[in-house]
Amino acid sequence: MHPAHCDKQAEQPGSKASLRTLWDDVFRRLPTHRDTTLGELHQMLGDRGAALTIAVISVPAMIPSPGLPVGTVFGLVLLVLAYELQRGRRLGRLPQRVANIRLPTATMLKISDWFSPWCGVADRYLKYRLPFLSTTGSSKALSVVIMLMALMLALPIPFGNFVPAVAVFLIAIGLACRDGAVILAGIALSCAAAFALGGMIFWASRALAG
């Protein structure tokens, strides 16, 4: 028997609908006459809200936005979300200050244009595997990795947003689908990003010292 794909894991909590179906339903319900709050988005995502909220918030950091501190803003939001997870909270409700953060309609359109197709890819290829990486205890450990990547996103490093954002996205979408292989890919990318940042700091310190 082959492992169930992300959209067929009926035995797993929060997996009654495919990610693509879930996201398309959420997108249809988003308000069009005003900005969407992060709290509203989180509640619409339902029982996979914690991981998917983190995945969605990582997307704007991947989208080039010249002149806008996108990485700083969304990096700080991710930092708060990951901190709440690290404390053992399931994010049934977001902290009020985070829940009140507004996502402009134009931002939500950009997010959906990128996020929706990748939900389809996840539904097709992600599988229930290495489940020990998606337990509550593992989620708390992974939240530390997400916090480190969020801090990197918040730093004003030219072209430094993409890799940490992708790493966070992979970890979060892996948690949502309980696919430990994808989580491992996110961890590996996080290590690469941290190594690159460490190298930049090392060579910058040597240049300043010399």
Protein backbone atom coordinates (compact mmCIF):
# COMPACT_ATOMS: atom_id res chain seq x y z
CA MET A 1 0.00 0.00 0.00
CA HIS A 2 1.44 3.34 -1.01
CA PRO A 3 1.66 6.20 1.51
CA ALA A 4 -1.28 8.58 1.32
CA HIS A 5 -0.75 11.89 -0.38
CA CYS A 6 -1.41 15.16 1.40
CA ASP A 7 -4.98 15.42 0.12
CA LYS A 8 -5.86 11.82 1.04
CA GLN A 9 -4.67 11.57 4.62
CA ALA A 10 -8.13 11.10 6.08
CA GLU A 11 -6.68 9.42 9.12
CA GLN A 12 -4.55 12.43 9.98
CA PRO A 13 -5.96 15.39 11.92
CA GLY A 14 -6.76 18.38 9.75
CA SER A 15 -6.43 16.60 6.43
CA LYS A 16 -10.04 16.21 5.29
CA ALA A 17 -9.56 18.50 2.30
CA SER A 18 -6.68 19.06 -0.08
CA LEU A 19 -4.55 22.14 0.47
CA ARG A 20 -5.58 23.52 -2.92
CA THR A 21 -9.28 23.10 -2.13
CA LEU A 22 -8.81 24.60 1.32
CA TRP A 23 -6.88 27.62 0.01
CA ASP A 24 -9.26 28.27 -2.88
CA ASP A 25 -12.16 28.20 -0.42
CA VAL A 26 -10.34 30.60 1.90
CA PHE A 27 -9.50 32.94 -0.98
CA ARG A 28 -13.15 33.09 -2.06
CA ARG A 29 -14.16 34.07 1.48
CA LEU A 30 -11.60 36.86 1.87
CA PRO A 31 -13.12 40.34 2.15
CA THR A 32 -12.80 42.39 -1.03
CA HIS A 33 -13.94 45.76 0.33
CA ARG A 34 -11.24 46.01 3.01
CA ASP A 35 -7.93 44.54 4.14
CA THR A 36 -7.81 41.05 5.61
CA THR A 37 -6.48 40.69 9.14
CA LEU A 38 -4.03 37.93 9.97
CA GLY A 39 -6.47 36.69 12.61
CA GLU A 40 -9.22 36.27 10.02
CA LEU A 41 -6.91 34.39 7.69
CA HIS A 42 -5.75 32.13 10.50
CA GLN A 43 -9.31 31.23 11.51
CA MET A 44 -10.32 30.50 7.90
CA LEU A 45 -7.43 28.04 7.54
CA GLY A 46 -9.06 25.87 10.20
CA ASP A 47 -7.36 22.99 11.99
CA ARG A 48 -4.19 23.30 9.91
CA GLY A 49 -4.10 27.02 10.64
CA ALA A 50 -0.84 27.11 12.60
CA ALA A 51 1.40 25.57 9.95
CA LEU A 52 -0.45 27.10 6.99
CA THR A 53 -0.47 30.58 8.54
CA ILE A 54 3.32 30.38 8.84
CA ALA A 55 3.56 29.09 5.26
CA VAL A 56 1.37 31.91 3.92
CA ILE A 57 3.27 34.59 5.83
CA SER A 58 6.57 33.33 4.42
CA VAL A 59 5.37 33.90 0.84
CA PRO A 60 5.58 37.74 0.72
CA ALA A 61 9.24 37.55 1.71
CA MET A 62 9.92 35.54 -1.47
CA ILE A 63 8.23 38.10 -3.72
CA PRO A 64 10.55 40.92 -4.86
CA SER A 65 9.33 44.22 -3.38
CA PRO A 66 11.95 46.91 -4.12
CA GLY A 67 12.00 49.70 -1.56
CA LEU A 68 9.65 47.96 0.87
CA PRO A 69 10.80 46.38 4.18
CA VAL A 70 8.82 43.21 3.46
CA GLY A 71 11.38 40.88 5.00
CA THR A 72 11.55 42.92 8.19
CA VAL A 73 7.76 43.14 8.61
CA PHE A 74 6.91 39.53 7.85
CA GLY A 75 10.07 38.25 9.52
CA LEU A 76 8.93 39.83 12.79
CA VAL A 77 5.46 38.33 12.38
CA LEU A 78 6.98 34.89 11.79
CA LEU A 79 9.16 35.38 14.84
CA VAL A 80 6.09 35.95 17.04
CA LEU A 81 4.22 32.97 15.55
CA ALA A 82 7.20 30.67 15.99
CA TYR A 83 7.70 31.89 19.57
CA GLU A 84 4.10 31.02 20.40
CA LEU A 85 4.59 27.53 18.96
CA GLN A 86 7.83 27.10 20.89
CA ARG A 87 5.93 27.79 24.10
CA GLY A 88 3.74 24.83 23.26
CA ARG A 89 0.69 26.74 22.04
CA ARG A 90 -1.28 25.31 19.14
CA LEU A 91 -2.16 28.77 17.85
CA GLY A 92 -5.90 28.20 18.13
CA ARG A 93 -6.00 31.97 18.53
CA LEU A 94 -3.27 34.40 17.60
CA PRO A 95 -2.00 37.01 20.05
CA GLN A 96 -4.21 40.08 19.60
CA ARG A 97 -1.44 42.33 18.28
CA VAL A 98 -0.56 39.75 15.64
CA ALA A 99 -4.19 38.98 14.81
CA ASN A 100 -4.82 42.67 14.10
CA ILE A 101 -2.07 42.90 11.47
CA ARG A 102 -3.66 43.87 8.16
CA LEU A 103 -2.84 42.25 4.84
CA PRO A 104 -3.79 44.56 1.94
CA THR A 105 -5.89 43.09 -0.85
CA ALA A 106 -3.05 43.57 -3.34
CA THR A 107 -0.73 41.59 -1.05
CA MET A 108 -3.27 38.78 -0.71
CA LEU A 109 -3.62 38.60 -4.51
CA LYS A 110 0.15 38.25 -4.88
CA ILE A 111 0.26 35.62 -2.15
CA SER A 112 -2.54 33.62 -3.75
CA ASP A 113 -0.98 33.78 -7.23
CA TRP A 114 2.12 32.11 -5.79
CA PHE A 115 0.65 29.97 -3.03
CA SER A 116 -2.29 28.35 -4.81
CA PRO A 117 -0.28 26.49 -7.50
CA TRP A 118 2.17 25.22 -4.89
CA CYS A 119 -0.74 23.87 -2.84
CA GLY A 120 -1.57 21.77 -5.89
CA VAL A 121 2.02 20.54 -6.06
CA ALA A 122 1.91 19.67 -2.36
CA ASP A 123 -1.35 17.75 -2.78
CA ARG A 124 0.16 15.71 -5.58
CA TYR A 125 3.60 14.90 -4.26
CA LEU A 126 3.73 15.34 -0.49
CA LYS A 127 3.12 12.16 1.50
CA TYR A 128 2.70 11.07 5.08
CA ARG A 129 6.25 9.99 5.95
CA LEU A 130 8.75 10.33 8.78
CA PRO A 131 5.86 11.30 11.10
CA PHE A 132 8.16 11.73 14.11
CA LEU A 133 9.23 15.06 12.56
CA SER A 134 5.68 16.46 12.71
CA THR A 135 4.76 15.61 16.31
CA THR A 136 4.01 18.30 18.88
CA GLY A 137 7.48 17.89 20.41
CA SER A 138 9.15 18.15 17.02
CA SER A 139 7.05 21.22 16.17
CA LYS A 140 8.43 22.96 19.25
CA ALA A 141 11.99 22.18 18.15
CA LEU A 142 11.26 23.25 14.57
CA SER A 143 9.85 26.54 15.85
CA VAL A 144 13.38 27.41 16.98
CA VAL A 145 14.61 26.90 13.41
CA ILE A 146 11.76 29.09 12.14
CA MET A 147 12.67 31.79 14.68
CA LEU A 148 16.27 31.81 13.45
CA MET A 149 15.11 32.11 9.84
CA ALA A 150 12.66 34.85 10.86
CA LEU A 151 15.51 36.80 12.42
CA MET A 152 17.46 36.45 9.16
CA LEU A 153 14.44 37.73 7.24
CA ALA A 154 14.24 40.74 9.53
CA LEU A 155 17.87 41.68 8.84
CA PRO A 156 18.41 44.27 6.07
CA ILE A 157 20.53 41.95 3.92
CA PRO A 158 20.33 42.60 0.14
CA PHE A 159 18.71 39.60 -1.59
CA GLY A 160 18.86 37.81 1.75
CA ASN A 161 15.15 37.05 2.10
CA PHE A 162 14.54 34.32 -0.42
CA VAL A 163 16.42 31.32 1.01
CA PRO A 164 15.24 31.74 4.64
CA ALA A 165 11.67 32.31 3.42
CA VAL A 166 11.73 29.15 1.29
CA ALA A 167 13.15 27.21 4.25
CA VAL A 168 10.29 28.39 6.47
CA PHE A 169 7.77 27.58 3.75
CA LEU A 170 9.07 24.02 3.35
CA ILE A 171 9.04 23.36 7.10
CA ALA A 172 5.53 24.77 7.48
CA ILE A 173 4.02 23.00 4.48
CA GLY A 174 5.73 19.78 5.61
CA LEU A 175 4.08 20.15 9.02
CA ALA A 176 0.70 20.81 7.39
CA CYS A 177 0.98 17.60 5.32
CA ARG A 178 2.98 15.67 7.93
CA ASP A 179 5.70 15.05 5.36
CA GLY A 180 8.96 14.67 7.25
CA ALA A 181 11.03 14.54 4.06
CA VAL A 182 9.94 18.07 3.13
CA ILE A 183 10.59 19.20 6.70
CA LEU A 184 14.12 17.79 6.40
CA ALA A 185 14.59 19.74 3.16
CA GLY A 186 13.54 22.90 4.99
CA ILE A 187 15.98 22.17 7.81
CA ALA A 188 18.80 21.58 5.30
CA LEU A 189 18.03 24.87 3.56
CA SER A 190 17.94 26.61 6.95
CA CYS A 191 21.41 25.27 7.73
CA ALA A 192 22.66 26.48 4.34
CA ALA A 193 21.19 29.95 4.96
CA ALA A 194 22.72 30.13 8.44
CA PHE A 195 26.10 28.96 7.10
CA ALA A 196 26.00 31.60 4.35
CA LEU A 197 25.14 34.32 6.86
CA GLY A 198 27.93 33.16 9.15
CA GLY A 199 30.35 33.29 6.25
CA MET A 200 29.27 36.81 5.35
CA ILE A 201 29.74 37.98 8.94
CA PHE A 202 33.14 36.29 9.15
CA TRP A 203 34.49 37.85 5.96
CA ALA A 204 32.98 41.24 6.79
CA SER A 205 34.65 41.20 10.21
CA ARG A 206 37.98 40.24 8.64
CA ALA A 207 37.65 43.02 6.07
CA LEU A 208 36.91 45.58 8.78
CA ALA A 209 39.76 44.30 10.94
CA GLY A 210 42.18 44.37 8.02
